[in-house]
Amino acid sequence: MSKKISPTFSSSDWPSSLSNKDSKDWSLGVEIIKDRFESRFIKPIDSLVGHSEKIVRCNSGFIIMSIDCLLIETLNQFYFGINATTDKYNWRNIDPNYKSNWQAFRDSLLTAHISLIFS
């Protein structure tokens, strides 16, 4: 049975050939992930930040941070190939060296003053 994994795609759309890193279907895989991330994380944050009511814009920091944390957890699960949070992912086995292991973190931490906060 096919499950909806984003507004546009369902699980049956996911190319099985993506287990091969040289697959020509990676552009579709990236499009599916982009659609999923934008709908679950980016658009809700944009809606809160750009809300017409000032009280919503100014009091949504906790919600936005929560969504950011969910995004980080999701990226971590993708990185480690974990299908479901309940499988084997929990706070005890998260990569303790994510700051130095992930290129995106490494690049931004090396060039920004934010490294002082997270060191």
Foldseek 3Di string as FASTA:
>chain_A
DWADQAPVDIPVQDDPVVVDVPDPCVVVVVVSVVRNCCRQQVVVVVCQCPPPDPVSNVPCVVVNVVSVVVVVVVVQCVVVVNDDCVPPNDPVPRPPPCCPPDPVNVVDLVPDPCVVVVD
